[in-house]
């Protein structure tokens, strides 16, 4: 059980059943006693009454639900559902926090179309019985290699139809080259778009600069605003998210959320930077209290919008307890190394894009297949029940064990999670659970929605 308070409310979350309970003072005290090994029924009065109500919830499997998955869970075999295609190991920006060495991952160049086609065939073949697969265009900056992006989409859709599968595409771009021609093609093909912008102009331009040192905000925002308006103008099966990174330079990142909202954007993600501890922009342990308060400030802004009927979506607050991730994803996270792989410009295979260029993590090659089954196995076994701090963490089924790359770069071990990342994840999940309950309450207060 996880007990926490937020916005003056006392809440209890049962991780196995996924139940969230709002508690009054007697129930909070009774549950606290239970967690200490004491029985509130022995104390009589309102504590005993609360204890009996809690006992009913436990009998219904909504409190203290036993976790039987540990003995039953077997990670799936290598069968990628998603493939990250590094179509460009080059970039037209020089973002100071880039983990990819200015976007080239140590090997500058553009992916030949033959490698891209081979990657599509590899995904469709190795995915086995899966009927739906995903391909993500990444870099560097993928729009530097736009002709290959176009050909890969056409080829992928044709080959998927021939095999009785469906393939979807996502493209992450800094939006510098996102002109109307490229935008039109991507929207017509219903490609999911992740548009990189860090928020306020001064925040964005401090870290996301052109090679000459000038800021990119004005050009990027002009393209993003046009593209987002066009995407939102009519219903589409694709999504379009603005994705920012916050660093030690903008610990007040809720203000960046507010800035993007004020510009008319309603699909926003702000992620903590991935950085070596020595970097001046890296988040530090001492920043955690401020960062956690900032998530709560963002929650206030978020709920204020919903309360007045202005729906906005913040990526980390959007929980779906009924139709969310399957059990495998809940226990193994992103599935890097067996359900998700990355392909570099030469056709080499890696567990994910953050490991590209690191020889010790090269899984094999498109032409020769997997050459490191033991490395695949190490990622398969990096699930929540193998990570000491994860196996007993209340957030394990919502987090999936965290980012493998962050764990490795912070601790040199896939099984030792990145501590700062864990604390941030727990804090934003508390906000997300509260937001979920609050939005459901808003729906129930609307008679038409209640019907």
Protein backbone atom coordinates (compact mmCIF):
# COMPACT_ATOMS: atom_id res chain seq x y z
CA UNK A 1 0.00 0.00 0.00
CA UNK A 2 1.05 3.56 -0.64
CA UNK A 3 -0.36 6.37 1.48
CA UNK A 4 0.17 9.97 0.43
CA UNK A 5 -1.36 13.42 0.78
CA UNK A 6 -1.90 15.87 -2.05
CA UNK A 7 -3.80 19.16 -2.22
CA UNK A 8 -4.98 18.55 1.35
CA UNK A 9 -6.47 15.12 0.55
CA UNK A 10 -5.43 11.79 2.04
CA UNK A 11 -5.08 9.01 -0.51
CA UNK A 12 -4.20 5.32 -0.51
CA UNK A 13 -3.10 3.41 -3.61
CA UNK A 14 -3.07 -0.36 -3.85
CA UNK A 15 -0.47 -1.23 -6.52
CA UNK A 16 -1.69 -4.73 -7.39
CA UNK A 17 -5.41 -4.03 -7.78
CA UNK A 18 -4.74 -0.49 -9.06
CA UNK A 19 -7.34 0.87 -6.63
CA UNK A 20 -7.11 4.46 -5.42
CA UNK A 21 -8.97 5.40 -2.24
CA UNK A 22 -9.76 8.81 -0.76
CA UNK A 23 -9.60 8.55 3.03
CA UNK A 24 -11.11 10.55 5.85
CA UNK A 25 -9.10 11.04 9.04
CA UNK A 26 -10.31 7.85 10.85
CA UNK A 27 -9.67 5.69 7.78
CA UNK A 28 -6.22 7.22 7.34
CA UNK A 29 -5.35 6.52 10.98
CA UNK A 30 -6.79 3.00 10.81
CA UNK A 31 -4.86 2.15 7.66
CA UNK A 32 -1.68 3.59 9.17
CA UNK A 33 -2.16 1.31 12.15
CA UNK A 34 -2.64 -1.69 9.88
CA UNK A 35 0.59 -0.90 8.08
CA UNK A 36 2.37 -0.80 11.45
CA UNK A 37 1.03 -4.24 12.27
CA UNK A 38 -1.62 -3.04 14.72
CA UNK A 39 -5.35 -3.77 14.55
CA UNK A 40 -7.67 -0.71 14.67
CA UNK A 41 -10.56 -3.00 15.67
CA UNK A 42 -8.95 -3.32 19.10
CA UNK A 43 -9.28 0.42 19.73
CA UNK A 44 -13.05 0.73 19.34
CA UNK A 45 -14.97 3.84 18.31
CA UNK A 46 -14.53 5.48 14.92
CA UNK A 47 -11.19 3.74 14.37
CA UNK A 48 -12.84 0.34 14.71
CA UNK A 49 -15.63 1.40 12.36
CA UNK A 50 -13.09 2.59 9.82
CA UNK A 51 -11.19 -0.65 10.27
CA UNK A 52 -14.31 -2.69 9.45
CA UNK A 53 -14.84 -0.64 6.26
CA UNK A 54 -11.24 -1.20 5.27
CA UNK A 55 -11.61 -4.91 5.97
CA UNK A 56 -14.50 -5.02 3.50
CA UNK A 57 -12.31 -3.42 0.86
CA UNK A 58 -9.59 -5.97 1.55
CA UNK A 59 -12.11 -8.80 1.19
CA UNK A 60 -13.06 -7.36 -2.21
CA UNK A 61 -9.40 -7.38 -3.30
CA UNK A 62 -9.16 -3.57 -3.31
CA UNK A 63 -6.70 -3.26 -0.43
CA UNK A 64 -3.57 -5.31 0.24
CA UNK A 65 -4.13 -7.36 -2.90
CA UNK A 66 -1.46 -10.09 -3.03
CA UNK A 67 1.18 -9.87 -5.75
CA UNK A 68 1.27 -13.35 -7.30
CA UNK A 69 2.91 -12.25 -10.54
CA UNK A 70 6.50 -12.73 -9.37
CA UNK A 71 6.28 -16.52 -9.47
CA UNK A 72 4.26 -16.56 -12.68
CA UNK A 73 5.99 -13.97 -14.83
CA UNK A 74 8.21 -15.07 -17.69
CA UNK A 75 9.51 -12.29 -19.95
CA UNK A 76 8.59 -12.74 -23.62
CA UNK A 77 11.13 -13.96 -26.14
CA UNK A 78 12.82 -11.65 -28.64
CA UNK A 79 9.98 -10.42 -30.87
CA UNK A 80 10.21 -6.65 -31.41
CA UNK A 81 7.00 -4.67 -31.58
CA UNK A 82 8.82 -1.37 -32.05
CA UNK A 83 11.91 -0.38 -33.97
CA UNK A 84 13.78 2.91 -33.68
CA UNK A 85 15.32 3.84 -37.03
CA UNK A 86 18.26 6.23 -36.77
CA UNK A 87 17.78 7.65 -40.26
CA UNK A 88 20.17 10.53 -39.54
CA UNK A 89 23.18 10.42 -37.26
CA UNK A 90 23.64 14.13 -37.83
CA UNK A 91 21.85 17.23 -36.61
CA UNK A 92 21.33 20.86 -37.56
CA UNK A 93 21.25 21.93 -33.88
CA UNK A 94 23.88 21.70 -31.15
CA UNK A 95 21.78 21.12 -28.04
CA UNK A 96 24.04 21.31 -25.00
CA UNK A 97 22.36 18.40 -23.21
CA UNK A 98 22.35 16.00 -26.19
CA UNK A 99 23.32 12.49 -25.08
CA UNK A 100 24.22 11.58 -28.68
CA UNK A 101 27.32 13.72 -29.16
CA UNK A 102 25.69 16.49 -31.21
CA UNK A 103 23.32 13.91 -32.70
CA UNK A 104 25.84 11.70 -34.50
CA UNK A 105 26.31 8.95 -31.88
CA UNK A 106 29.97 8.83 -32.88
CA UNK A 107 29.34 8.04 -36.58
CA UNK A 108 28.12 10.96 -38.65
CA UNK A 109 25.99 10.21 -41.71
CA UNK A 110 22.59 9.52 -43.22
CA UNK A 111 20.98 6.10 -43.52
CA UNK A 112 20.89 4.64 -47.06
CA UNK A 113 17.43 3.63 -48.26
CA UNK A 114 18.58 0.00 -48.56
CA UNK A 115 19.28 -0.14 -44.82
CA UNK A 116 15.90 1.41 -44.05
CA UNK A 117 14.08 -1.16 -46.21
CA UNK A 118 16.05 -3.99 -44.59
CA UNK A 119 15.05 -2.63 -41.17
CA UNK A 120 11.36 -2.72 -42.14
CA UNK A 121 11.72 -6.32 -43.30
CA UNK A 122 13.56 -7.22 -40.09
CA UNK A 123 10.77 -5.72 -37.96
CA UNK A 124 8.00 -7.48 -39.86
CA UNK A 125 9.82 -10.81 -39.79
CA UNK A 126 11.17 -10.79 -36.22
CA UNK A 127 7.90 -9.52 -34.71
CA UNK A 128 6.50 -13.02 -35.17
CA UNK A 129 2.74 -13.31 -34.63
CA UNK A 130 2.29 -9.65 -33.67
CA UNK A 131 -0.24 -8.00 -35.98
CA UNK A 132 0.61 -4.39 -35.13
CA UNK A 133 4.14 -2.98 -35.16
CA UNK A 134 5.66 0.49 -34.85
CA UNK A 135 8.60 2.23 -36.48
CA UNK A 136 10.08 5.43 -35.02
CA UNK A 137 12.17 7.82 -37.10
CA UNK A 138 14.87 9.25 -34.88
CA UNK A 139 18.27 10.91 -34.94
CA UNK A 140 20.03 13.29 -34.86
CA UNK A 141 17.44 15.04 -36.95
CA UNK A 142 15.45 12.63 -39.17
CA UNK A 143 14.19 15.37 -41.50
CA UNK A 144 17.77 15.76 -42.77
CA UNK A 145 17.07 12.47 -44.54
CA UNK A 146 13.49 13.15 -45.58
CA UNK A 147 13.54 11.22 -48.91
CA UNK A 148 14.45 8.06 -46.99
CA UNK A 149 11.69 8.79 -44.45
CA UNK A 150 9.17 9.03 -47.32
CA UNK A 151 10.35 5.86 -49.02
CA UNK A 152 10.41 3.93 -45.74
CA UNK A 153 6.79 4.87 -45.00
CA UNK A 154 5.62 3.82 -48.46
CA UNK A 155 7.65 0.62 -48.39
CA UNK A 156 6.63 -0.21 -44.83
CA UNK A 157 2.91 0.14 -45.49
CA UNK A 158 3.13 -2.00 -48.64
CA UNK A 159 5.17 -4.76 -46.99
CA UNK A 160 2.97 -4.76 -43.89
CA UNK A 161 -0.17 -5.23 -46.03
CA UNK A 162 1.50 -8.13 -47.85
CA UNK A 163 2.16 -9.83 -44.51
CA UNK A 164 -1.27 -9.12 -43.05
CA UNK A 165 0.10 -6.66 -40.49
CA UNK A 166 -0.39 -3.00 -39.70
CA UNK A 167 2.55 -0.65 -39.25
CA UNK A 168 2.42 2.80 -37.63
CA UNK A 169 5.09 5.48 -37.75
CA UNK A 170 6.36 8.13 -35.34
CA UNK A 171 8.82 10.90 -36.13
CA UNK A 172 10.68 12.97 -33.54
CA UNK A 173 11.95 16.28 -34.90
CA UNK A 174 13.46 19.54 -33.72
CA UNK A 175 11.13 21.16 -36.32
CA UNK A 176 13.83 23.33 -37.94
CA UNK A 177 13.14 21.68 -41.33
CA UNK A 178 9.42 21.12 -40.77
CA UNK A 179 8.22 23.19 -43.72
CA UNK A 180 4.75 22.94 -45.30
CA UNK A 181 5.80 20.29 -47.84
CA UNK A 182 7.19 17.91 -45.22
CA UNK A 183 4.33 18.69 -42.86
CA UNK A 184 1.73 17.91 -45.53
CA UNK A 185 3.26 14.52 -46.30
CA UNK A 186 3.57 13.50 -42.63
CA UNK A 187 0.01 14.53 -41.82
CA UNK A 188 -1.44 12.86 -44.91
CA UNK A 189 0.36 9.62 -43.99
CA UNK A 190 -0.90 10.01 -40.39
CA UNK A 191 2.57 9.81 -38.91
CA UNK A 192 2.67 10.42 -35.15
CA UNK A 193 4.69 13.56 -34.46
CA UNK A 194 6.86 14.43 -31.47
CA UNK A 195 7.93 18.08 -31.78
CA UNK A 196 10.86 19.19 -29.63
CA UNK A 197 10.56 22.52 -27.84
CA UNK A 198 11.64 23.19 -24.28
CA UNK A 199 9.16 25.93 -23.33
CA UNK A 200 9.84 29.62 -22.79
CA UNK A 201 12.08 31.32 -25.38
CA UNK A 202 14.91 31.99 -22.93
CA UNK A 203 14.82 28.39 -21.66
CA UNK A 204 14.75 26.89 -25.15
CA UNK A 205 17.45 29.14 -26.61
CA UNK A 206 19.85 28.55 -23.73
CA UNK A 207 20.29 24.88 -24.68
CA UNK A 208 18.81 24.33 -28.18
CA UNK A 209 21.07 26.35 -30.44
CA UNK A 210 22.28 26.39 -34.02
CA UNK A 211 25.98 25.66 -34.71
CA UNK A 212 26.71 29.41 -34.77
CA UNK A 213 25.40 29.72 -31.20
CA UNK A 214 22.14 31.48 -32.04
CA UNK A 215 18.87 30.31 -30.51
CA UNK A 216 16.36 28.26 -32.49
CA UNK A 217 13.11 29.15 -30.68
CA UNK A 218 11.69 31.61 -33.22
CA UNK A 219 12.14 29.36 -36.26
CA UNK A 220 11.14 26.19 -34.44
CA UNK A 221 8.02 27.67 -32.85
CA UNK A 222 6.80 29.11 -36.16
CA UNK A 223 6.90 25.64 -37.73
CA UNK A 224 5.45 23.90 -34.68
CA UNK A 225 2.50 26.29 -34.37
CA UNK A 226 1.56 25.84 -38.02
CA UNK A 227 1.91 22.05 -37.92
CA UNK A 228 -0.01 21.65 -34.65
CA UNK A 229 -2.88 23.82 -35.89
CA UNK A 230 -3.12 21.76 -39.07
CA UNK A 231 -3.01 18.47 -37.13
CA UNK A 232 -5.72 19.64 -34.69
CA UNK A 233 -7.98 21.02 -37.43
CA UNK A 234 -9.48 17.64 -38.27
CA UNK A 235 -9.72 14.23 -36.54
CA UNK A 236 -6.76 11.94 -37.19
CA UNK A 237 -5.65 8.55 -35.97
CA UNK A 238 -2.17 9.97 -35.31
CA UNK A 239 -1.06 11.98 -32.30
CA UNK A 240 1.01 15.15 -32.08
CA UNK A 241 2.88 15.97 -28.88
CA UNK A 242 5.20 18.80 -27.92
CA UNK A 243 8.13 17.28 -26.09
CA UNK A 244 10.45 19.36 -23.93
CA UNK A 245 13.38 18.66 -21.64
CA UNK A 246 13.89 20.39 -18.32
CA UNK A 247 17.33 20.75 -16.76
CA UNK A 248 18.91 22.39 -13.74
CA UNK A 249 18.63 25.64 -15.69
CA UNK A 250 14.79 25.59 -15.49
CA UNK A 251 13.73 23.84 -12.31
CA UNK A 252 10.54 25.93 -12.57
CA UNK A 253 9.41 23.84 -15.55
CA UNK A 254 5.71 24.28 -14.74
CA UNK A 255 6.16 27.77 -16.17
CA UNK A 256 7.23 26.16 -19.46
CA UNK A 257 4.05 24.08 -19.43
CA UNK A 258 2.06 27.29 -18.84
CA UNK A 259 3.88 29.03 -21.70
CA UNK A 260 3.09 26.26 -24.18
CA UNK A 261 -0.51 26.09 -22.99
CA UNK A 262 -0.93 29.85 -23.41
CA UNK A 263 0.25 29.49 -27.02
CA UNK A 264 -2.63 27.10 -27.69
CA UNK A 265 -0.97 23.71 -27.35
CA UNK A 266 -2.93 20.99 -25.55
CA UNK A 267 -0.61 17.95 -25.86
CA UNK A 268 2.56 18.50 -23.88
CA UNK A 269 5.37 16.43 -22.40
CA UNK A 270 8.26 17.72 -20.27
CA UNK A 271 10.97 15.19 -19.44
CA UNK A 272 13.86 15.36 -16.94
CA UNK A 273 17.25 15.59 -18.63
CA UNK A 274 19.42 12.47 -18.95
CA UNK A 275 22.93 13.63 -18.10
CA UNK A 276 26.18 12.64 -16.36
CA UNK A 277 26.29 14.01 -12.79
CA UNK A 278 29.20 16.28 -13.68
CA UNK A 279 27.24 18.20 -16.32
CA UNK A 280 26.25 21.74 -15.24
CA UNK A 281 22.67 21.12 -16.41
CA UNK A 282 22.30 17.75 -14.62
CA UNK A 283 19.62 17.38 -11.95
CA UNK A 284 20.95 16.80 -8.45
CA UNK A 285 19.64 15.13 -5.31
CA UNK A 286 19.35 18.52 -3.62
CA UNK A 287 16.96 19.67 -6.37
CA UNK A 288 14.38 16.99 -5.61
CA UNK A 289 12.21 18.93 -3.11
CA UNK A 290 11.86 21.81 -5.56
CA UNK A 291 11.23 19.49 -8.52
CA UNK A 292 8.52 17.58 -6.67
CA UNK A 293 6.82 20.82 -5.66
CA UNK A 294 7.01 21.88 -9.30
CA UNK A 295 5.10 18.77 -10.39
CA UNK A 296 2.42 19.73 -7.88
CA UNK A 297 2.35 23.27 -9.27
CA UNK A 298 1.97 21.81 -12.76
CA UNK A 299 -0.87 19.64 -11.43
CA UNK A 300 -2.64 22.78 -10.17
CA UNK A 301 -2.38 24.40 -13.60
CA UNK A 302 -3.48 21.18 -15.31
CA UNK A 303 -6.57 20.65 -13.15
CA UNK A 304 -7.56 24.30 -13.37
CA UNK A 305 -7.78 23.83 -17.13
CA UNK A 306 -9.90 20.69 -16.82
CA UNK A 307 -12.20 22.32 -14.27
CA UNK A 308 -13.10 25.05 -16.73
CA UNK A 309 -13.61 22.52 -19.54
CA UNK A 310 -10.33 23.21 -21.34
CA UNK A 311 -8.85 19.75 -21.78
CA UNK A 312 -5.08 19.61 -21.85
CA UNK A 313 -2.95 16.46 -21.86
CA UNK A 314 0.33 16.26 -19.99
CA UNK A 315 2.01 13.02 -21.02
CA UNK A 316 2.97 11.86 -17.52
CA UNK A 317 -0.45 12.53 -16.03
CA UNK A 318 -2.43 10.46 -18.54
CA UNK A 319 -3.06 7.14 -16.78
CA UNK A 320 -5.52 4.60 -18.16
CA UNK A 321 -6.16 1.94 -15.48
CA UNK A 322 -8.77 0.14 -17.58
CA UNK A 323 -7.19 0.10 -21.05
CA UNK A 324 -3.55 0.81 -20.23
CA UNK A 325 -0.41 -1.27 -20.82
CA UNK A 326 -0.53 -5.06 -20.69
CA UNK A 327 1.08 -6.92 -17.79
CA UNK A 328 4.29 -7.55 -19.76
CA UNK A 329 4.84 -3.84 -20.35
CA UNK A 330 3.97 -3.05 -16.75
CA UNK A 331 6.69 -5.43 -15.56
CA UNK A 332 9.35 -4.92 -18.24
CA UNK A 333 8.89 -1.25 -19.05
CA UNK A 334 9.84 -0.22 -22.57
CA UNK A 335 11.02 -3.71 -23.52
CA UNK A 336 14.40 -2.47 -24.75
CA UNK A 337 16.52 -5.28 -26.17
CA UNK A 338 13.71 -7.72 -26.91
CA UNK A 339 10.45 -5.87 -27.66
CA UNK A 340 12.13 -2.67 -28.81
CA UNK A 341 15.38 -2.30 -30.76
CA UNK A 342 17.25 0.49 -32.53
CA UNK A 343 19.01 0.36 -35.91
CA UNK A 344 21.86 2.72 -36.76
CA UNK A 345 22.80 4.08 -40.20
CA UNK A 346 25.01 1.03 -40.88
CA UNK A 347 22.35 -1.52 -39.97
CA UNK A 348 23.75 -2.42 -36.55
CA UNK A 349 21.21 -3.40 -33.89
CA UNK A 350 21.11 -1.96 -30.36
CA UNK A 351 18.72 -2.34 -27.39
CA UNK A 352 17.57 1.30 -27.75
CA UNK A 353 18.62 4.61 -29.28
CA UNK A 354 20.55 5.67 -26.17
CA UNK A 355 22.94 2.73 -26.57
CA UNK A 356 23.67 3.36 -30.25
CA UNK A 357 27.40 3.59 -30.96
CA UNK A 358 28.42 1.65 -27.85
CA UNK A 359 30.09 -1.53 -29.06
CA UNK A 360 29.45 -3.36 -25.79
CA UNK A 361 25.71 -3.03 -26.48
CA UNK A 362 25.68 -3.98 -30.17
CA UNK A 363 23.20 -6.87 -30.54
CA UNK A 364 24.01 -7.77 -34.14
CA UNK A 365 23.30 -6.58 -37.68
CA UNK A 366 20.32 -6.56 -40.02
CA UNK A 367 22.08 -8.86 -42.47
CA UNK A 368 23.40 -11.42 -39.98
CA UNK A 369 20.77 -11.18 -37.25
CA UNK A 370 21.36 -11.38 -33.51
CA UNK A 371 24.94 -12.07 -32.49
CA UNK A 372 24.60 -11.48 -28.73
CA UNK A 373 21.78 -13.65 -27.34
CA UNK A 374 23.28 -13.27 -23.85
CA UNK A 375 22.85 -9.48 -24.12
CA UNK A 376 19.23 -9.91 -25.19
CA UNK A 377 18.75 -12.17 -22.18
CA UNK A 378 20.19 -9.56 -19.81
CA UNK A 379 17.58 -7.06 -21.00
CA UNK A 380 14.79 -9.66 -20.87
CA UNK A 381 15.63 -10.34 -17.25
CA UNK A 382 15.85 -6.66 -16.28
CA UNK A 383 12.24 -6.59 -15.07
CA UNK A 384 10.84 -5.24 -11.83
CA UNK A 385 11.20 -8.50 -9.90
CA UNK A 386 14.94 -8.61 -10.65
CA UNK A 387 15.55 -5.05 -9.47
CA UNK A 388 15.80 -4.98 -5.70
CA UNK A 389 14.39 -1.52 -5.16
CA UNK A 390 11.66 -2.04 -7.77
CA UNK A 391 10.22 -5.33 -6.57
CA UNK A 392 8.77 -3.72 -3.44
CA UNK A 393 8.09 -0.25 -4.86
CA UNK A 394 4.45 0.87 -4.91
CA UNK A 395 4.94 2.36 -8.39
CA UNK A 396 6.32 -0.78 -10.04
CA UNK A 397 3.27 -1.54 -12.20
CA UNK A 398 2.99 2.05 -13.40
CA UNK A 399 6.71 2.57 -13.99
CA UNK A 400 7.94 -0.78 -15.30
CA UNK A 401 11.34 -0.42 -13.68
CA UNK A 402 12.44 2.84 -15.22
CA UNK A 403 14.83 3.58 -18.06
CA UNK A 404 17.53 0.94 -18.59
CA UNK A 405 19.89 3.47 -20.15
CA UNK A 406 19.53 5.87 -17.22
CA UNK A 407 20.21 3.01 -14.81
CA UNK A 408 23.30 1.92 -16.69
CA UNK A 409 24.74 5.39 -17.22
CA UNK A 410 24.16 6.34 -13.57
CA UNK A 411 25.20 3.08 -11.91
CA UNK A 412 26.86 0.85 -14.52
CA UNK A 413 24.15 -1.75 -13.95
CA UNK A 414 20.82 -2.43 -15.66
CA UNK A 415 19.38 -3.72 -12.38
CA UNK A 416 20.14 -0.63 -10.28
CA UNK A 417 17.67 2.13 -11.17
CA UNK A 418 18.62 5.80 -11.43
CA UNK A 419 17.67 7.09 -7.96
CA UNK A 420 16.74 10.65 -8.95
CA UNK A 421 14.66 9.32 -11.83
CA UNK A 422 12.83 6.99 -9.44
CA UNK A 423 11.92 9.79 -7.07
CA UNK A 424 10.71 12.02 -9.88
CA UNK A 425 8.65 9.16 -11.30
CA UNK A 426 7.03 8.51 -7.92
CA UNK A 427 6.22 12.19 -7.47
CA UNK A 428 4.61 12.63 -10.86
CA UNK A 429 2.72 9.35 -10.49
CA UNK A 430 1.16 10.63 -7.26
CA UNK A 431 0.07 13.69 -9.23
CA UNK A 432 -1.18 11.49 -12.07
CA UNK A 433 -3.27 9.33 -9.72
CA UNK A 434 -4.78 12.41 -8.14
CA UNK A 435 -5.49 13.89 -11.59
CA UNK A 436 -7.18 10.66 -12.70
CA UNK A 437 -9.50 10.62 -9.69
CA UNK A 438 -10.24 14.33 -9.98
CA UNK A 439 -11.12 14.11 -13.68
CA UNK A 440 -13.41 11.15 -13.02
CA UNK A 441 -15.16 13.20 -10.35
CA UNK A 442 -15.61 16.01 -12.86
CA UNK A 443 -17.18 13.58 -15.32
CA UNK A 444 -19.59 12.24 -12.72
CA UNK A 445 -20.67 15.77 -11.85
CA UNK A 446 -21.80 16.26 -15.45
CA UNK A 447 -25.32 14.71 -15.80
CA UNK A 448 -24.93 14.11 -19.53
CA UNK A 449 -21.63 12.27 -19.03
CA UNK A 450 -23.03 10.35 -16.08
CA UNK A 451 -25.83 9.01 -18.28
